[in-house]
All heavy atoms as atom14 arrays in JSON, in Angstrom:
{
  "sequence": "TTFRDWFMDFDADAWDKQFEEDVNAGRLDVLA",
  "atom14_mask": [
    [1, 1, 1, 1, 1, 1, 1, 0, 0, 0, 0, 0, 0, 0],
    [1, 1, 1, 1, 1, 1, 1, 0, 0, 0, 0, 0, 0, 0],
    [1, 1, 1, 1, 1, 1, 1, 1, 1, 1, 1, 0, 0, 0],
    [1, 1, 1, 1, 1, 1, 1, 1, 1, 1, 1, 0, 0, 0],
    [1, 1, 1, 1, 1, 1, 1, 1, 0, 0, 0, 0, 0, 0],
    [1, 1, 1, 1, 1, 1, 1, 1, 1, 1, 1, 1, 1, 1],
    [1, 1, 1, 1, 1, 1, 1, 1, 1, 1, 1, 0, 0, 0],
    [1, 1, 1, 1, 1, 1, 1, 1, 0, 0, 0, 0, 0, 0],
    [1, 1, 1, 1, 1, 1, 1, 1, 0, 0, 0, 0, 0, 0],
    [1, 1, 1, 1, 1, 1, 1, 1, 1, 1, 1, 0, 0, 0],
    [1, 1, 1, 1, 1, 1, 1, 1, 0, 0, 0, 0, 0, 0],
    [1, 1, 1, 1, 1, 0, 0, 0, 0, 0, 0, 0, 0, 0],
    [1, 1, 1, 1, 1, 1, 1, 1, 0, 0, 0, 0, 0, 0],
    [1, 1, 1, 1, 1, 0, 0, 0, 0, 0, 0, 0, 0, 0],
    [1, 1, 1, 1, 1, 1, 1, 1, 1, 1, 1, 1, 1, 1],
    [1, 1, 1, 1, 1, 1, 1, 1, 0, 0, 0, 0, 0, 0],
    [1, 1, 1, 1, 1, 1, 1, 1, 1, 0, 0, 0, 0, 0],
    [1, 1, 1, 1, 1, 1, 1, 1, 1, 0, 0, 0, 0, 0],
    [1, 1, 1, 1, 1, 1, 1, 1, 1, 1, 1, 0, 0, 0],
    [1, 1, 1, 1, 1, 1, 1, 1, 1, 0, 0, 0, 0, 0],
    [1, 1, 1, 1, 1, 1, 1, 1, 1, 0, 0, 0, 0, 0],
    [1, 1, 1, 1, 1, 1, 1, 1, 0, 0, 0, 0, 0, 0],
    [1, 1, 1, 1, 1, 1, 1, 0, 0, 0, 0, 0, 0, 0],
    [1, 1, 1, 1, 1, 1, 1, 1, 0, 0, 0, 0, 0, 0],
    [1, 1, 1, 1, 1, 0, 0, 0, 0, 0, 0, 0, 0, 0],
    [1, 1, 1, 1, 0, 0, 0, 0, 0, 0, 0, 0, 0, 0],
    [1, 1, 1, 1, 1, 1, 1, 1, 1, 1, 1, 0, 0, 0],
    [1, 1, 1, 1, 1, 1, 1, 1, 0, 0, 0, 0, 0, 0],
    [1, 1, 1, 1, 1, 1, 1, 1, 0, 0, 0, 0, 0, 0],
    [1, 1, 1, 1, 1, 1, 1, 0, 0, 0, 0, 0, 0, 0],
    [1, 1, 1, 1, 1, 1, 1, 1, 0, 0, 0, 0, 0, 0],
    [1, 1, 1, 1, 1, 0, 0, 0, 0, 0, 0, 0, 0, 0]
  ],
  "atom14_positions": [
    [[83.5, 95.77, 79.1], [83.52, 95.13, 80.41], [84.76, 94.26, 80.57], [85.44, 94.3, 81.6], [82.24, 94.29, 80.62], [81.12, 95.17, 80.57], [82.25, 93.57, 81.96], [0.0, 0.0, 0.0], [0.0, 0.0, 0.0], [0.0, 0.0, 0.0], [0.0, 0.0, 0.0], [0.0, 0.0, 0.0], [0.0, 0.0, 0.0], [0.0, 0.0, 0.0]],
    [[85.06, 93.48, 79.55], [86.26, 92.63, 79.58], [87.52, 93.47, 79.7], [88.41, 93.16, 80.51], [86.32, 91.76, 78.3], [85.16, 90.94, 78.25], [87.56, 90.89, 78.3], [0.0, 0.0, 0.0], [0.0, 0.0, 0.0], [0.0, 0.0, 0.0], [0.0, 0.0, 0.0], [0.0, 0.0, 0.0], [0.0, 0.0, 0.0], [0.0, 0.0, 0.0]],
    [[87.59, 94.54, 78.91], [88.74, 95.43, 78.97], [88.86, 96.09, 80.34], [89.95, 96.17, 80.92], [88.65, 96.52, 77.89], [89.73, 97.56, 78.03], [91.03, 97.28, 77.67], [89.43, 98.82, 78.54], [92.03, 98.23, 77.82], [90.42, 99.77, 78.69], [91.73, 99.48, 78.32], [0.0, 0.0, 0.0], [0.0, 0.0, 0.0], [0.0, 0.0, 0.0]],
    [[87.75, 96.56, 80.88], [87.75, 97.22, 82.18], [88.27, 96.27, 83.27], [89.1, 96.66, 84.09], [86.35, 97.72, 82.52], [86.29, 98.54, 83.79], [84.87, 98.96, 84.14], [84.3, 99.84, 83.13], [83.19, 99.56, 82.44], [82.53, 98.44, 82.63], [82.73, 100.42, 81.55], [0.0, 0.0, 0.0], [0.0, 0.0, 0.0], [0.0, 0.0, 0.0]],
    [[87.79, 95.03, 83.26], [88.24, 94.04, 84.24], [89.74, 93.79, 84.09], [90.47, 93.74, 85.08], [87.48, 92.73, 84.08], [86.02, 92.85, 84.46], [85.65, 93.84, 85.15], [85.23, 91.96, 84.07], [0.0, 0.0, 0.0], [0.0, 0.0, 0.0], [0.0, 0.0, 0.0], [0.0, 0.0, 0.0], [0.0, 0.0, 0.0], [0.0, 0.0, 0.0]],
    [[90.19, 93.64, 82.83], [91.62, 93.41, 82.59], [92.43, 94.61, 83.08], [93.45, 94.44, 83.75], [91.89, 93.2, 81.09], [93.36, 93.19, 80.81], [94.22, 92.15, 80.93], [94.16, 94.32, 80.41], [95.5, 92.56, 80.63], [95.49, 93.88, 80.31], [93.86, 95.66, 80.14], [96.53, 94.73, 79.93], [94.91, 96.5, 79.77], [96.22, 96.04, 79.67]],
    [[91.97, 95.83, 82.76], [92.74, 97.01, 83.12], [92.8, 97.2, 84.63], [93.84, 97.61, 85.17], [92.19, 98.28, 82.45], [93.11, 99.45, 82.67], [94.24, 99.6, 81.91], [92.85, 100.38, 83.68], [95.12, 100.66, 82.13], [93.71, 101.44, 83.9], [94.84, 101.57, 83.13], [0.0, 0.0, 0.0], [0.0, 0.0, 0.0], [0.0, 0.0, 0.0]],
    [[91.72, 96.91, 85.33], [91.73, 97.03, 86.79], [92.78, 96.1, 87.38], [93.53, 96.49, 88.28], [90.35, 96.75, 87.37], [89.39, 97.9, 87.13], [87.67, 97.72, 87.72], [87.68, 96.43, 88.88], [0.0, 0.0, 0.0], [0.0, 0.0, 0.0], [0.0, 0.0, 0.0], [0.0, 0.0, 0.0], [0.0, 0.0, 0.0], [0.0, 0.0, 0.0]],
    [[92.87, 94.86, 86.88], [93.89, 93.92, 87.35], [95.29, 94.42, 86.99], [96.21, 94.37, 87.81], [93.67, 92.53, 86.75], [92.44, 91.84, 87.31], [91.97, 92.22, 88.4], [91.96, 90.89, 86.65], [0.0, 0.0, 0.0], [0.0, 0.0, 0.0], [0.0, 0.0, 0.0], [0.0, 0.0, 0.0], [0.0, 0.0, 0.0], [0.0, 0.0, 0.0]],
    [[95.45, 94.89, 85.76], [96.74, 95.41, 85.3], [97.19, 96.58, 86.16], [98.34, 96.64, 86.61], [96.6, 95.85, 83.83], [97.81, 96.55, 83.3], [98.91, 95.84, 82.85], [97.84, 97.94, 83.25], [100.03, 96.5, 82.35], [98.95, 98.61, 82.75], [100.05, 97.89, 82.31], [0.0, 0.0, 0.0], [0.0, 0.0, 0.0], [0.0, 0.0, 0.0]],
    [[96.28, 97.51, 86.43], [96.6, 98.69, 87.22], [96.93, 98.32, 88.66], [97.87, 98.86, 89.25], [95.42, 99.67, 87.15], [95.78, 101.05, 87.65], [96.88, 101.55, 87.34], [94.94, 101.64, 88.36], [0.0, 0.0, 0.0], [0.0, 0.0, 0.0], [0.0, 0.0, 0.0], [0.0, 0.0, 0.0], [0.0, 0.0, 0.0], [0.0, 0.0, 0.0]],
    [[96.17, 97.39, 89.22], [96.43, 96.95, 90.6], [97.8, 96.29, 90.69], [98.55, 96.53, 91.65], [95.34, 95.99, 91.06], [0.0, 0.0, 0.0], [0.0, 0.0, 0.0], [0.0, 0.0, 0.0], [0.0, 0.0, 0.0], [0.0, 0.0, 0.0], [0.0, 0.0, 0.0], [0.0, 0.0, 0.0], [0.0, 0.0, 0.0], [0.0, 0.0, 0.0]],
    [[98.15, 95.47, 89.71], [99.47, 94.83, 89.71], [100.59, 95.87, 89.61], [101.62, 95.76, 90.29], [99.59, 93.83, 88.56], [98.75, 92.59, 88.76], [98.31, 92.33, 89.9], [98.52, 91.86, 87.77], [0.0, 0.0, 0.0], [0.0, 0.0, 0.0], [0.0, 0.0, 0.0], [0.0, 0.0, 0.0], [0.0, 0.0, 0.0], [0.0, 0.0, 0.0]],
    [[100.39, 96.89, 88.77], [101.39, 97.95, 88.63], [101.54, 98.72, 89.94], [102.66, 99.05, 90.36], [101.01, 98.9, 87.49], [0.0, 0.0, 0.0], [0.0, 0.0, 0.0], [0.0, 0.0, 0.0], [0.0, 0.0, 0.0], [0.0, 0.0, 0.0], [0.0, 0.0, 0.0], [0.0, 0.0, 0.0], [0.0, 0.0, 0.0], [0.0, 0.0, 0.0]],
    [[100.42, 99.0, 90.61], [100.45, 99.71, 91.9], [101.17, 98.87, 92.94], [102.01, 99.39, 93.69], [99.03, 100.03, 92.35], [98.99, 100.98, 93.5], [98.9, 102.34, 93.44], [99.04, 100.66, 94.9], [98.89, 102.87, 94.71], [98.98, 101.86, 95.62], [99.14, 99.46, 95.6], [99.03, 101.91, 97.0], [99.19, 99.51, 97.0], [99.12, 100.72, 97.68]],
    [[100.86, 97.57, 92.98], [101.53, 96.67, 93.94], [103.04, 96.66, 93.71], [103.82, 96.69, 94.66], [100.99, 95.25, 93.82], [99.58, 95.1, 94.37], [99.11, 96.01, 95.08], [98.95, 94.07, 94.07], [0.0, 0.0, 0.0], [0.0, 0.0, 0.0], [0.0, 0.0, 0.0], [0.0, 0.0, 0.0], [0.0, 0.0, 0.0], [0.0, 0.0, 0.0]],
    [[103.45, 96.6, 92.44], [104.88, 96.58, 92.12], [105.54, 97.87, 92.59], [106.61, 97.83, 93.2], [105.08, 96.4, 90.62], [106.52, 96.33, 90.21], [106.67, 96.15, 88.71], [108.15, 96.15, 88.35], [108.39, 96.32, 86.94], [0.0, 0.0, 0.0], [0.0, 0.0, 0.0], [0.0, 0.0, 0.0], [0.0, 0.0, 0.0], [0.0, 0.0, 0.0]],
    [[104.91, 99.01, 92.32], [105.47, 100.29, 92.75], [105.55, 100.37, 94.27], [106.54, 100.84, 94.83], [104.64, 101.46, 92.21], [105.18, 102.83, 92.61], [106.55, 103.09, 92.03], [106.72, 103.02, 90.83], [107.52, 103.39, 92.87], [0.0, 0.0, 0.0], [0.0, 0.0, 0.0], [0.0, 0.0, 0.0], [0.0, 0.0, 0.0], [0.0, 0.0, 0.0]],
    [[104.51, 99.89, 94.96], [104.5, 99.9, 96.42], [105.65, 99.05, 96.96], [106.38, 99.47, 97.87], [103.15, 99.38, 96.93], [103.0, 99.45, 98.42], [102.67, 100.64, 99.03], [103.21, 98.34, 99.21], [102.53, 100.72, 100.41], [103.09, 98.4, 100.59], [102.74, 99.6, 101.19], [0.0, 0.0, 0.0], [0.0, 0.0, 0.0], [0.0, 0.0, 0.0]],
    [[105.85, 97.86, 96.41], [106.94, 96.99, 96.85], [108.29, 97.65, 96.62], [109.19, 97.56, 97.48], [106.88, 95.65, 96.13], [105.74, 94.76, 96.61], [105.68, 93.42, 95.87], [106.73, 92.97, 95.36], [104.59, 92.85, 95.81], [0.0, 0.0, 0.0], [0.0, 0.0, 0.0], [0.0, 0.0, 0.0], [0.0, 0.0, 0.0], [0.0, 0.0, 0.0]],
    [[108.46, 98.31, 95.47], [109.71, 99.01, 95.2], [109.94, 100.13, 96.21], [111.06, 100.31, 96.69], [109.71, 99.58, 93.78], [109.8, 98.52, 92.7], [109.61, 99.06, 91.29], [109.44, 100.3, 91.14], [109.61, 98.26, 90.35], [0.0, 0.0, 0.0], [0.0, 0.0, 0.0], [0.0, 0.0, 0.0], [0.0, 0.0, 0.0], [0.0, 0.0, 0.0]],
    [[108.88, 100.86, 96.55], [109.0, 101.93, 97.54], [109.36, 101.38, 98.91], [110.2, 101.95, 99.61], [107.7, 102.74, 97.61], [107.46, 103.59, 96.38], [108.4, 103.8, 95.58], [106.31, 104.05, 96.21], [0.0, 0.0, 0.0], [0.0, 0.0, 0.0], [0.0, 0.0, 0.0], [0.0, 0.0, 0.0], [0.0, 0.0, 0.0], [0.0, 0.0, 0.0]],
    [[108.74, 100.28, 99.3], [109.04, 99.65, 100.58], [110.49, 99.19, 100.61], [111.24, 99.48, 101.56], [108.08, 98.46, 100.87], [108.58, 97.64, 102.06], [106.68, 98.98, 101.14], [0.0, 0.0, 0.0], [0.0, 0.0, 0.0], [0.0, 0.0, 0.0], [0.0, 0.0, 0.0], [0.0, 0.0, 0.0], [0.0, 0.0, 0.0], [0.0, 0.0, 0.0]],
    [[110.91, 98.47, 99.57], [112.28, 97.95, 99.52], [113.33, 99.05, 99.48], [114.44, 98.87, 99.98], [112.45, 97.01, 98.32], [111.67, 95.73, 98.47], [111.4, 95.28, 99.58], [111.29, 95.13, 97.37], [0.0, 0.0, 0.0], [0.0, 0.0, 0.0], [0.0, 0.0, 0.0], [0.0, 0.0, 0.0], [0.0, 0.0, 0.0], [0.0, 0.0, 0.0]],
    [[112.98, 100.2, 98.93], [113.91, 101.33, 98.85], [113.89, 102.16, 100.13], [114.67, 103.1, 100.27], [113.58, 102.21, 97.66], [0.0, 0.0, 0.0], [0.0, 0.0, 0.0], [0.0, 0.0, 0.0], [0.0, 0.0, 0.0], [0.0, 0.0, 0.0], [0.0, 0.0, 0.0], [0.0, 0.0, 0.0], [0.0, 0.0, 0.0], [0.0, 0.0, 0.0]],
    [[112.98, 101.83, 101.06], [112.91, 102.56, 102.32], [112.16, 103.87, 102.25], [112.19, 104.65, 103.21], [0.0, 0.0, 0.0], [0.0, 0.0, 0.0], [0.0, 0.0, 0.0], [0.0, 0.0, 0.0], [0.0, 0.0, 0.0], [0.0, 0.0, 0.0], [0.0, 0.0, 0.0], [0.0, 0.0, 0.0], [0.0, 0.0, 0.0], [0.0, 0.0, 0.0]],
    [[111.46, 104.11, 101.16], [110.75, 105.39, 101.02], [109.55, 105.52, 101.94], [109.02, 106.61, 102.1], [110.32, 105.59, 99.56], [111.49, 105.87, 98.63], [111.05, 106.28, 97.25], [110.72, 105.18, 96.39], [111.58, 104.51, 95.63], [112.85, 104.85, 95.64], [111.19, 103.52, 94.86], [0.0, 0.0, 0.0], [0.0, 0.0, 0.0], [0.0, 0.0, 0.0]],
    [[109.12, 104.42, 102.55], [107.96, 104.48, 103.44], [108.35, 104.29, 104.91], [107.48, 104.28, 105.79], [106.93, 103.42, 103.04], [106.43, 103.53, 101.59], [105.52, 102.37, 101.25], [105.74, 104.85, 101.37], [0.0, 0.0, 0.0], [0.0, 0.0, 0.0], [0.0, 0.0, 0.0], [0.0, 0.0, 0.0], [0.0, 0.0, 0.0], [0.0, 0.0, 0.0]],
    [[109.63, 104.18, 105.18], [110.09, 103.93, 106.54], [109.65, 105.0, 107.52], [109.25, 104.7, 108.65], [111.62, 103.79, 106.58], [112.11, 102.51, 105.93], [111.27, 101.66, 105.56], [113.34, 102.36, 105.78], [0.0, 0.0, 0.0], [0.0, 0.0, 0.0], [0.0, 0.0, 0.0], [0.0, 0.0, 0.0], [0.0, 0.0, 0.0], [0.0, 0.0, 0.0]],
    [[109.71, 106.25, 107.12], [109.32, 107.36, 108.01], [107.86, 107.22, 108.4], [107.5, 107.38, 109.58], [109.59, 108.72, 107.33], [108.98, 109.85, 108.14], [111.08, 108.93, 107.15], [0.0, 0.0, 0.0], [0.0, 0.0, 0.0], [0.0, 0.0, 0.0], [0.0, 0.0, 0.0], [0.0, 0.0, 0.0], [0.0, 0.0, 0.0], [0.0, 0.0, 0.0]],
    [[107.01, 106.88, 107.43], [105.58, 106.72, 107.72], [105.34, 105.52, 108.62], [104.51, 105.58, 109.55], [104.79, 106.57, 106.42], [104.82, 107.77, 105.48], [104.13, 107.44, 104.17], [104.17, 108.97, 106.14], [0.0, 0.0, 0.0], [0.0, 0.0, 0.0], [0.0, 0.0, 0.0], [0.0, 0.0, 0.0], [0.0, 0.0, 0.0], [0.0, 0.0, 0.0]],
    [[106.03, 104.42, 108.37], [105.87, 103.23, 109.21], [106.32, 103.52, 110.64], [105.64, 103.13, 111.6], [106.66, 102.06, 108.62], [0.0, 0.0, 0.0], [0.0, 0.0, 0.0], [0.0, 0.0, 0.0], [0.0, 0.0, 0.0], [0.0, 0.0, 0.0], [0.0, 0.0, 0.0], [0.0, 0.0, 0.0], [0.0, 0.0, 0.0], [0.0, 0.0, 0.0]]
  ]
}
């Protein structure tokens, strides 16, 4: 349970970082 909670936070942070990189690189501009 402790590991699962930690991993969910870790994975969410990694996804957020990738999303921010995609936004900053303009990869989502067409969709927006």
